Amino acid sequence: MSVGTRKDPFRNSRYIVEIDGITQAGFSEVTVPDTTTDVIEYREGNEVTTVRKVPGLTKYSNIVLKYGITDSMELFNWYKDIVDGKIKTSRKNISVLFLDEQGNEATRWTFVQAWPTKYTPPPGNAKANEIGIETLEIAHEGMLRVK
């Protein structure tokens, strides 16, 4: 490798989460989900020892967002809309961007038709000296790395 062509990996501590229509200052942690495609095995009657493999359904894990509790109600209200049955109007697109050392967008994953499936409020502990962390788990119907 010649000088000047080295590409260092991006740090996982520099990221931005964009959610259609929701403004949230920041997230202390984001889990970019994995995706898997099932393998369907079959063989035809004239194939004695060979099993063919073809792709089946593709499945997407959920996004998990963790953030310090504030007086903002936007994410909780998004979850409450789902609880209240407003699923058609509550689906949103989400992007997770990792930033380079200069703070520019380096990578981007886009998730479509996303909606919150689980909300966890922070626990109370009078002996602790920590920030209260809320957690929102989000289901979606597709993931694409666009950059």
N, C-alpha and C. Protein backbone atom coordinates (compact mmCIF):
# COMPACT_ATOMS: atom_id res chain seq x y z
N MET A 1 0.85 -1.18 0.00
CA MET A 1 0.00 0.00 0.00
C MET A 1 0.89 1.23 0.00
N SER A 2 0.64 2.13 -0.88
CA SER A 2 1.47 3.33 -0.99
C SER A 2 1.03 4.39 0.02
N VAL A 3 1.90 5.32 0.27
CA VAL A 3 1.63 6.41 1.22
C VAL A 3 0.45 7.24 0.69
N GLY A 4 -0.46 7.59 1.57
CA GLY A 4 -1.60 8.42 1.19
C GLY A 4 -2.84 7.63 0.81
N THR A 5 -2.76 6.32 0.73
CA THR A 5 -3.93 5.52 0.36
C THR A 5 -4.52 4.79 1.55
N ARG A 6 -3.98 5.00 2.73
CA ARG A 6 -4.47 4.31 3.92
C ARG A 6 -5.88 4.80 4.26
N LYS A 7 -6.75 3.87 4.57
CA LYS A 7 -8.12 4.22 4.97
C LYS A 7 -8.37 3.65 6.36
N ASP A 8 -8.38 4.53 7.34
CA ASP A 8 -8.65 4.10 8.71
C ASP A 8 -10.16 3.91 8.89
N PRO A 9 -10.55 2.95 9.72
CA PRO A 9 -11.98 2.77 10.00
C PRO A 9 -12.54 3.97 10.77
N PHE A 10 -13.83 4.17 10.63
CA PHE A 10 -14.51 5.26 11.32
C PHE A 10 -14.82 4.86 12.76
N ARG A 11 -14.79 5.82 13.64
CA ARG A 11 -15.09 5.55 15.05
C ARG A 11 -16.60 5.36 15.23
N ASN A 12 -16.95 4.42 16.12
CA ASN A 12 -18.38 4.19 16.33
C ASN A 12 -18.98 5.15 17.36
N SER A 13 -18.19 6.11 17.82
CA SER A 13 -18.70 7.08 18.79
C SER A 13 -19.15 8.39 18.13
N ARG A 14 -19.00 8.49 16.81
CA ARG A 14 -19.39 9.72 16.10
C ARG A 14 -20.48 9.38 15.10
N TYR A 15 -21.72 9.67 15.47
CA TYR A 15 -22.85 9.33 14.62
C TYR A 15 -23.99 10.32 14.83
N ILE A 16 -24.89 10.30 13.88
CA ILE A 16 -26.11 11.12 13.93
C ILE A 16 -27.27 10.21 13.55
N VAL A 17 -28.40 10.39 14.22
CA VAL A 17 -29.63 9.67 13.87
C VAL A 17 -30.63 10.68 13.37
N GLU A 18 -31.18 10.45 12.17
CA GLU A 18 -32.20 11.32 11.60
C GLU A 18 -33.51 10.54 11.52
N ILE A 19 -34.57 11.13 12.09
CA ILE A 19 -35.90 10.51 12.06
C ILE A 19 -36.84 11.54 11.46
N ASP A 20 -37.57 11.14 10.40
CA ASP A 20 -38.51 12.06 9.74
C ASP A 20 -39.37 12.81 10.75
N GLY A 21 -39.24 14.13 10.78
CA GLY A 21 -40.14 14.96 11.56
C GLY A 21 -39.89 14.97 13.06
N ILE A 22 -38.85 14.32 13.55
CA ILE A 22 -38.58 14.30 14.99
C ILE A 22 -37.20 14.91 15.22
N THR A 23 -37.16 15.87 16.13
CA THR A 23 -35.91 16.50 16.49
C THR A 23 -35.51 16.02 17.87
N GLN A 24 -34.40 15.32 17.95
CA GLN A 24 -33.89 14.83 19.23
C GLN A 24 -32.43 15.24 19.29
N ALA A 25 -32.00 15.82 20.40
CA ALA A 25 -30.65 16.37 20.49
C ALA A 25 -29.58 15.33 20.24
N GLY A 26 -29.69 14.16 20.79
CA GLY A 26 -28.65 13.16 20.58
C GLY A 26 -29.01 11.85 21.25
N PHE A 27 -28.29 10.83 20.86
CA PHE A 27 -28.51 9.50 21.41
C PHE A 27 -27.19 9.01 21.98
N SER A 28 -27.25 8.44 23.17
CA SER A 28 -26.02 7.94 23.79
C SER A 28 -25.59 6.63 23.16
N GLU A 29 -26.53 5.92 22.54
CA GLU A 29 -26.20 4.65 21.89
C GLU A 29 -27.24 4.35 20.82
N VAL A 30 -26.77 3.82 19.72
CA VAL A 30 -27.66 3.35 18.66
C VAL A 30 -27.16 1.99 18.20
N THR A 31 -28.07 1.05 18.10
CA THR A 31 -27.72 -0.27 17.58
C THR A 31 -28.21 -0.36 16.15
N VAL A 32 -27.26 -0.38 15.22
CA VAL A 32 -27.60 -0.57 13.81
C VAL A 32 -27.86 -2.06 13.65
N PRO A 33 -29.06 -2.43 13.24
CA PRO A 33 -29.44 -3.85 13.26
C PRO A 33 -28.79 -4.66 12.14
N ASP A 34 -28.81 -5.95 12.35
CA ASP A 34 -28.32 -6.85 11.31
C ASP A 34 -29.46 -7.28 10.40
N THR A 35 -29.11 -7.90 9.31
CA THR A 35 -30.09 -8.42 8.38
C THR A 35 -29.65 -9.82 7.96
N THR A 36 -30.60 -10.71 7.83
CA THR A 36 -30.30 -12.09 7.42
C THR A 36 -31.29 -12.54 6.36
N THR A 37 -30.82 -13.39 5.49
CA THR A 37 -31.69 -14.00 4.49
C THR A 37 -31.71 -15.50 4.76
N ASP A 38 -32.92 -16.02 4.94
CA ASP A 38 -33.07 -17.46 5.18
C ASP A 38 -32.56 -18.26 3.99
N VAL A 39 -32.07 -19.45 4.30
CA VAL A 39 -31.65 -20.39 3.26
C VAL A 39 -32.72 -21.48 3.17
N ILE A 40 -33.22 -21.69 1.96
CA ILE A 40 -34.18 -22.76 1.73
C ILE A 40 -33.44 -23.89 1.03
N GLU A 41 -33.47 -25.06 1.65
CA GLU A 41 -32.81 -26.21 1.05
C GLU A 41 -33.87 -27.12 0.44
N TYR A 42 -33.56 -27.61 -0.76
CA TYR A 42 -34.44 -28.59 -1.37
C TYR A 42 -33.62 -29.45 -2.32
N ARG A 43 -34.17 -30.56 -2.67
CA ARG A 43 -33.54 -31.38 -3.70
C ARG A 43 -34.63 -32.00 -4.54
N GLU A 44 -34.28 -32.23 -5.78
CA GLU A 44 -35.21 -32.86 -6.70
C GLU A 44 -35.03 -34.37 -6.62
N GLY A 45 -36.02 -35.08 -7.09
CA GLY A 45 -36.03 -36.55 -6.97
C GLY A 45 -34.87 -37.25 -7.64
N ASN A 46 -34.31 -36.68 -8.69
CA ASN A 46 -33.21 -37.34 -9.39
C ASN A 46 -31.84 -36.95 -8.82
N GLU A 47 -31.80 -36.11 -7.78
CA GLU A 47 -30.54 -35.72 -7.16
C GLU A 47 -30.35 -36.56 -5.90
N VAL A 48 -29.37 -37.45 -5.95
CA VAL A 48 -29.19 -38.41 -4.86
C VAL A 48 -28.53 -37.76 -3.64
N THR A 49 -27.47 -36.99 -3.84
CA THR A 49 -26.73 -36.46 -2.69
C THR A 49 -26.65 -34.94 -2.65
N THR A 50 -27.12 -34.25 -3.65
CA THR A 50 -26.95 -32.81 -3.70
C THR A 50 -28.19 -32.09 -3.17
N VAL A 51 -27.95 -31.16 -2.28
CA VAL A 51 -29.03 -30.30 -1.78
C VAL A 51 -28.81 -28.92 -2.38
N ARG A 52 -29.83 -28.40 -3.01
CA ARG A 52 -29.75 -27.06 -3.57
C ARG A 52 -30.13 -26.04 -2.48
N LYS A 53 -29.54 -24.87 -2.58
CA LYS A 53 -29.85 -23.81 -1.63
C LYS A 53 -30.27 -22.57 -2.39
N VAL A 54 -31.41 -22.01 -2.01
CA VAL A 54 -31.92 -20.79 -2.63
C VAL A 54 -32.29 -19.79 -1.53
N PRO A 55 -32.22 -18.51 -1.85
CA PRO A 55 -32.57 -17.51 -0.83
C PRO A 55 -34.06 -17.51 -0.53
N GLY A 56 -34.36 -17.33 0.75
CA GLY A 56 -35.75 -17.23 1.21
C GLY A 56 -36.05 -15.81 1.66
N LEU A 57 -36.81 -15.71 2.74
CA LEU A 57 -37.20 -14.40 3.26
C LEU A 57 -36.01 -13.67 3.87
N THR A 58 -35.98 -12.37 3.69
CA THR A 58 -34.97 -11.54 4.34
C THR A 58 -35.61 -10.92 5.57
N LYS A 59 -34.88 -10.99 6.69
CA LYS A 59 -35.38 -10.48 7.97
C LYS A 59 -34.46 -9.40 8.48
N TYR A 60 -35.05 -8.41 9.14
CA TYR A 60 -34.31 -7.27 9.67
C TYR A 60 -34.51 -7.20 11.18
N SER A 61 -33.42 -7.09 11.92
CA SER A 61 -33.52 -6.88 13.36
C SER A 61 -33.95 -5.44 13.63
N ASN A 62 -34.33 -5.18 14.87
CA ASN A 62 -34.80 -3.85 15.25
C ASN A 62 -33.65 -2.90 15.54
N ILE A 63 -33.91 -1.63 15.34
CA ILE A 63 -33.01 -0.55 15.74
C ILE A 63 -33.26 -0.30 17.23
N VAL A 64 -32.20 -0.05 17.99
CA VAL A 64 -32.36 0.29 19.40
C VAL A 64 -31.69 1.64 19.64
N LEU A 65 -32.46 2.58 20.15
CA LEU A 65 -31.96 3.91 20.47
C LEU A 65 -31.98 4.10 21.98
N LYS A 66 -30.88 4.61 22.53
CA LYS A 66 -30.80 4.95 23.95
C LYS A 66 -30.44 6.42 24.05
N TYR A 67 -31.14 7.12 24.95
CA TYR A 67 -30.93 8.56 25.06
C TYR A 67 -31.26 9.04 26.46
N GLY A 68 -30.58 10.11 26.87
CA GLY A 68 -30.82 10.70 28.17
C GLY A 68 -32.21 11.34 28.22
N ILE A 69 -32.90 11.11 29.32
CA ILE A 69 -34.25 11.64 29.46
C ILE A 69 -34.20 13.16 29.62
N THR A 70 -35.09 13.83 28.89
CA THR A 70 -35.24 15.28 28.98
C THR A 70 -36.74 15.58 29.05
N ASP A 71 -37.11 16.83 28.89
CA ASP A 71 -38.53 17.17 28.87
C ASP A 71 -39.16 16.98 27.49
N SER A 72 -38.39 16.51 26.51
CA SER A 72 -38.93 16.26 25.18
C SER A 72 -39.84 15.03 25.20
N MET A 73 -41.00 15.15 24.59
CA MET A 73 -41.98 14.06 24.52
C MET A 73 -42.10 13.46 23.12
N GLU A 74 -41.29 13.95 22.15
CA GLU A 74 -41.47 13.55 20.75
C GLU A 74 -41.36 12.04 20.54
N LEU A 75 -40.33 11.40 21.07
CA LEU A 75 -40.17 9.96 20.85
C LEU A 75 -41.22 9.15 21.58
N PHE A 76 -41.55 9.55 22.82
CA PHE A 76 -42.60 8.84 23.53
C PHE A 76 -43.94 8.99 22.83
N ASN A 77 -44.23 10.21 22.34
CA ASN A 77 -45.50 10.43 21.63
C ASN A 77 -45.57 9.63 20.35
N TRP A 78 -44.44 9.42 19.69
CA TRP A 78 -44.40 8.56 18.50
C TRP A 78 -44.80 7.14 18.89
N TYR A 79 -44.24 6.65 19.98
CA TYR A 79 -44.61 5.32 20.46
C TYR A 79 -46.09 5.28 20.86
N LYS A 80 -46.57 6.33 21.53
CA LYS A 80 -47.98 6.38 21.96
C LYS A 80 -48.92 6.35 20.76
N ASP A 81 -48.55 6.98 19.66
CA ASP A 81 -49.37 6.92 18.44
C ASP A 81 -49.55 5.47 17.98
N ILE A 82 -48.51 4.66 18.10
CA ILE A 82 -48.62 3.24 17.73
C ILE A 82 -49.56 2.54 18.68
N VAL A 83 -49.41 2.78 19.98
CA VAL A 83 -50.29 2.17 20.98
C VAL A 83 -51.74 2.55 20.71
N ASP A 84 -51.96 3.79 20.26
CA ASP A 84 -53.31 4.28 19.98
C ASP A 84 -53.84 3.82 18.62
N GLY A 85 -53.07 3.00 17.89
CA GLY A 85 -53.54 2.44 16.63
C GLY A 85 -53.31 3.30 15.40
N LYS A 86 -52.48 4.30 15.48
CA LYS A 86 -52.23 5.20 14.35
C LYS A 86 -51.03 4.75 13.53
N ILE A 87 -50.96 3.48 13.19
CA ILE A 87 -49.78 2.92 12.54
C ILE A 87 -49.56 3.49 11.14
N LYS A 88 -50.61 3.68 10.35
CA LYS A 88 -50.43 4.16 8.98
C LYS A 88 -49.80 5.55 8.92
N THR A 89 -50.15 6.40 9.86
CA THR A 89 -49.61 7.76 9.85
C THR A 89 -48.33 7.89 10.68
N SER A 90 -47.92 6.83 11.35
CA SER A 90 -46.77 6.89 12.25
C SER A 90 -45.50 6.25 11.70
N ARG A 91 -45.56 5.65 10.55
CA ARG A 91 -44.35 5.06 9.98
C ARG A 91 -43.43 6.17 9.49
N LYS A 92 -42.13 6.01 9.77
CA LYS A 92 -41.15 7.02 9.40
C LYS A 92 -39.92 6.37 8.80
N ASN A 93 -39.15 7.16 8.09
CA ASN A 93 -37.84 6.71 7.62
C ASN A 93 -36.79 7.22 8.59
N ILE A 94 -35.77 6.39 8.81
CA ILE A 94 -34.70 6.72 9.74
C ILE A 94 -33.38 6.54 9.02
N SER A 95 -32.44 7.43 9.29
CA SER A 95 -31.08 7.27 8.79
C SER A 95 -30.11 7.33 9.96
N VAL A 96 -29.09 6.47 9.90
CA VAL A 96 -28.00 6.48 10.86
C VAL A 96 -26.73 6.80 10.08
N LEU A 97 -26.07 7.88 10.45
CA LEU A 97 -24.87 8.34 9.76
C LEU A 97 -23.67 8.24 10.69
N PHE A 98 -22.60 7.65 10.22
CA PHE A 98 -21.33 7.70 10.95
C PHE A 98 -20.50 8.82 10.34
N LEU A 99 -19.78 9.54 11.19
CA LEU A 99 -19.03 10.71 10.76
C LEU A 99 -17.53 10.42 10.74
N ASP A 100 -16.83 11.10 9.84
CA ASP A 100 -15.37 10.97 9.82
C ASP A 100 -14.77 11.91 10.87
N GLU A 101 -13.45 11.98 10.92
CA GLU A 101 -12.77 12.79 11.93
C GLU A 101 -13.07 14.28 11.82
N GLN A 102 -13.42 14.73 10.63
CA GLN A 102 -13.75 16.15 10.43
C GLN A 102 -15.23 16.45 10.68
N GLY A 103 -16.02 15.42 11.01
CA GLY A 103 -17.44 15.62 11.27
C GLY A 103 -18.30 15.54 10.03
N ASN A 104 -17.75 15.06 8.91
CA ASN A 104 -18.51 14.91 7.68
C ASN A 104 -19.13 13.51 7.61
N GLU A 105 -20.24 13.41 6.91
CA GLU A 105 -20.89 12.11 6.74
C GLU A 105 -19.95 11.15 6.02
N ALA A 106 -19.74 9.98 6.64
CA ALA A 106 -18.85 8.98 6.05
C ALA A 106 -19.64 7.75 5.58
N THR A 107 -20.62 7.34 6.35
CA THR A 107 -21.48 6.22 5.97
C THR A 107 -22.91 6.56 6.33
N ARG A 108 -23.86 5.90 5.66
CA ARG A 108 -25.28 6.14 5.95
C ARG A 108 -26.06 4.86 5.71
N TRP A 109 -26.86 4.50 6.71
CA TRP A 109 -27.84 3.43 6.56
C TRP A 109 -29.21 4.07 6.62
N THR A 110 -30.10 3.65 5.74
CA THR A 110 -31.46 4.14 5.73
C THR A 110 -32.41 2.99 6.02
N PHE A 111 -33.38 3.23 6.89
CA PHE A 111 -34.37 2.24 7.29
C PHE A 111 -35.74 2.78 6.91
N VAL A 112 -36.56 1.96 6.28
CA VAL A 112 -37.85 2.43 5.77
C VAL A 112 -39.02 1.83 6.55
N GLN A 113 -40.12 2.58 6.55
CA GLN A 113 -41.37 2.16 7.19
C GLN A 113 -41.15 1.77 8.65
N ALA A 114 -40.40 2.59 9.37
CA ALA A 114 -40.05 2.30 10.76
C ALA A 114 -41.13 2.77 11.73
N TRP A 115 -41.28 2.02 12.83
CA TRP A 115 -42.21 2.39 13.88
C TRP A 115 -41.75 1.79 15.21
N PRO A 116 -41.97 2.51 16.31
CA PRO A 116 -41.51 2.03 17.61
C PRO A 116 -42.32 0.84 18.10
N THR A 117 -41.62 -0.16 18.57
CA THR A 117 -42.28 -1.37 19.05
C THR A 117 -42.12 -1.58 20.55
N LYS A 118 -41.18 -0.87 21.16
CA LYS A 118 -40.96 -1.02 22.61
C LYS A 118 -40.36 0.25 23.17
N TYR A 119 -40.89 0.68 24.30
CA TYR A 119 -40.37 1.86 25.01
C TYR A 119 -40.03 1.43 26.43
N THR A 120 -38.85 1.81 26.90
CA THR A 120 -38.43 1.51 28.26
C THR A 120 -38.00 2.81 28.94
N PRO A 121 -38.72 3.22 30.00
CA PRO A 121 -38.31 4.43 30.72
C PRO A 121 -37.09 4.13 31.59
N PRO A 122 -36.41 5.18 32.06
CA PRO A 122 -35.24 4.95 32.91
C PRO A 122 -35.66 4.49 34.30
N PRO A 123 -34.83 3.66 34.93
CA PRO A 123 -35.13 3.28 36.31
C PRO A 123 -34.75 4.42 37.26
N GLY A 124 -35.37 4.45 38.41
CA GLY A 124 -35.00 5.42 39.44
C GLY A 124 -34.08 4.75 40.45
N ASN A 125 -33.06 5.47 40.90
CA ASN A 125 -32.15 4.94 41.90
C ASN A 125 -31.58 6.12 42.68
N ALA A 126 -32.03 6.31 43.91
CA ALA A 126 -31.62 7.45 44.72
C ALA A 126 -30.14 7.40 45.08
N LYS A 127 -29.50 6.25 44.99
CA LYS A 127 -28.08 6.12 45.34
C LYS A 127 -27.16 6.34 44.16
N ALA A 128 -27.71 6.40 42.96
CA ALA A 128 -26.89 6.50 41.75
C ALA A 128 -26.58 7.96 41.41
N ASN A 129 -25.55 8.13 40.61
CA ASN A 129 -25.18 9.46 40.14
C ASN A 129 -25.03 9.39 38.61
N GLU A 130 -26.07 8.90 37.95
CA GLU A 130 -26.02 8.67 36.51
C GLU A 130 -27.17 9.39 35.82
N ILE A 131 -27.04 9.55 34.52
CA ILE A 131 -28.11 10.11 33.70
C ILE A 131 -29.18 9.04 33.50
N GLY A 132 -30.44 9.43 33.57
CA GLY A 132 -31.53 8.50 33.27
C GLY A 132 -31.59 8.25 31.78
N ILE A 133 -31.60 6.99 31.38
CA ILE A 133 -31.58 6.62 29.96
C ILE A 133 -32.90 5.97 29.57
N GLU A 134 -33.56 6.55 28.56
CA GLU A 134 -34.74 5.95 27.94
C GLU A 134 -34.28 5.09 26.78
N THR A 135 -35.06 4.05 26.47
CA THR A 135 -34.73 3.17 25.34
C THR A 135 -35.96 3.04 24.45
N LEU A 136 -35.73 3.14 23.14
CA LEU A 136 -36.79 2.96 22.16
C LEU A 136 -36.33 1.92 21.15
N GLU A 137 -37.11 0.86 21.01
CA GLU A 137 -36.81 -0.17 20.02
C GLU A 137 -37.73 0.04 18.83
N ILE A 138 -37.15 -0.01 17.63
CA ILE A 138 -37.88 0.37 16.43
C ILE A 138 -37.82 -0.74 15.39
N ALA A 139 -38.99 -1.19 14.94
CA ALA A 139 -39.08 -2.16 13.85
C ALA A 139 -39.08 -1.40 12.52
N HIS A 140 -38.66 -2.08 11.47
CA HIS A 140 -38.65 -1.45 10.15
C HIS A 140 -38.80 -2.54 9.09
N GLU A 141 -39.00 -2.11 7.86
CA GLU A 141 -39.26 -3.07 6.78
C GLU A 141 -38.19 -3.08 5.70
N GLY A 142 -37.03 -2.53 5.99
CA GLY A 142 -35.96 -2.58 5.02
C GLY A 142 -34.81 -1.70 5.41
N MET A 143 -33.61 -2.16 5.02
CA MET A 143 -32.38 -1.45 5.37
C MET A 143 -31.52 -1.37 4.13
N LEU A 144 -30.90 -0.21 3.95
CA LEU A 144 -30.04 -0.01 2.81
C LEU A 144 -28.85 0.83 3.23
N ARG A 145 -27.64 0.36 2.91
CA ARG A 145 -26.47 1.19 3.14
C ARG A 145 -26.26 1.99 1.87
N VAL A 146 -26.50 3.30 1.97
CA VAL A 146 -26.46 4.15 0.77
C VAL A 146 -25.14 4.87 0.62
N LYS A 147 -24.29 4.79 1.63
CA LYS A 147 -22.98 5.41 1.53
C LYS A 147 -22.01 4.65 2.39
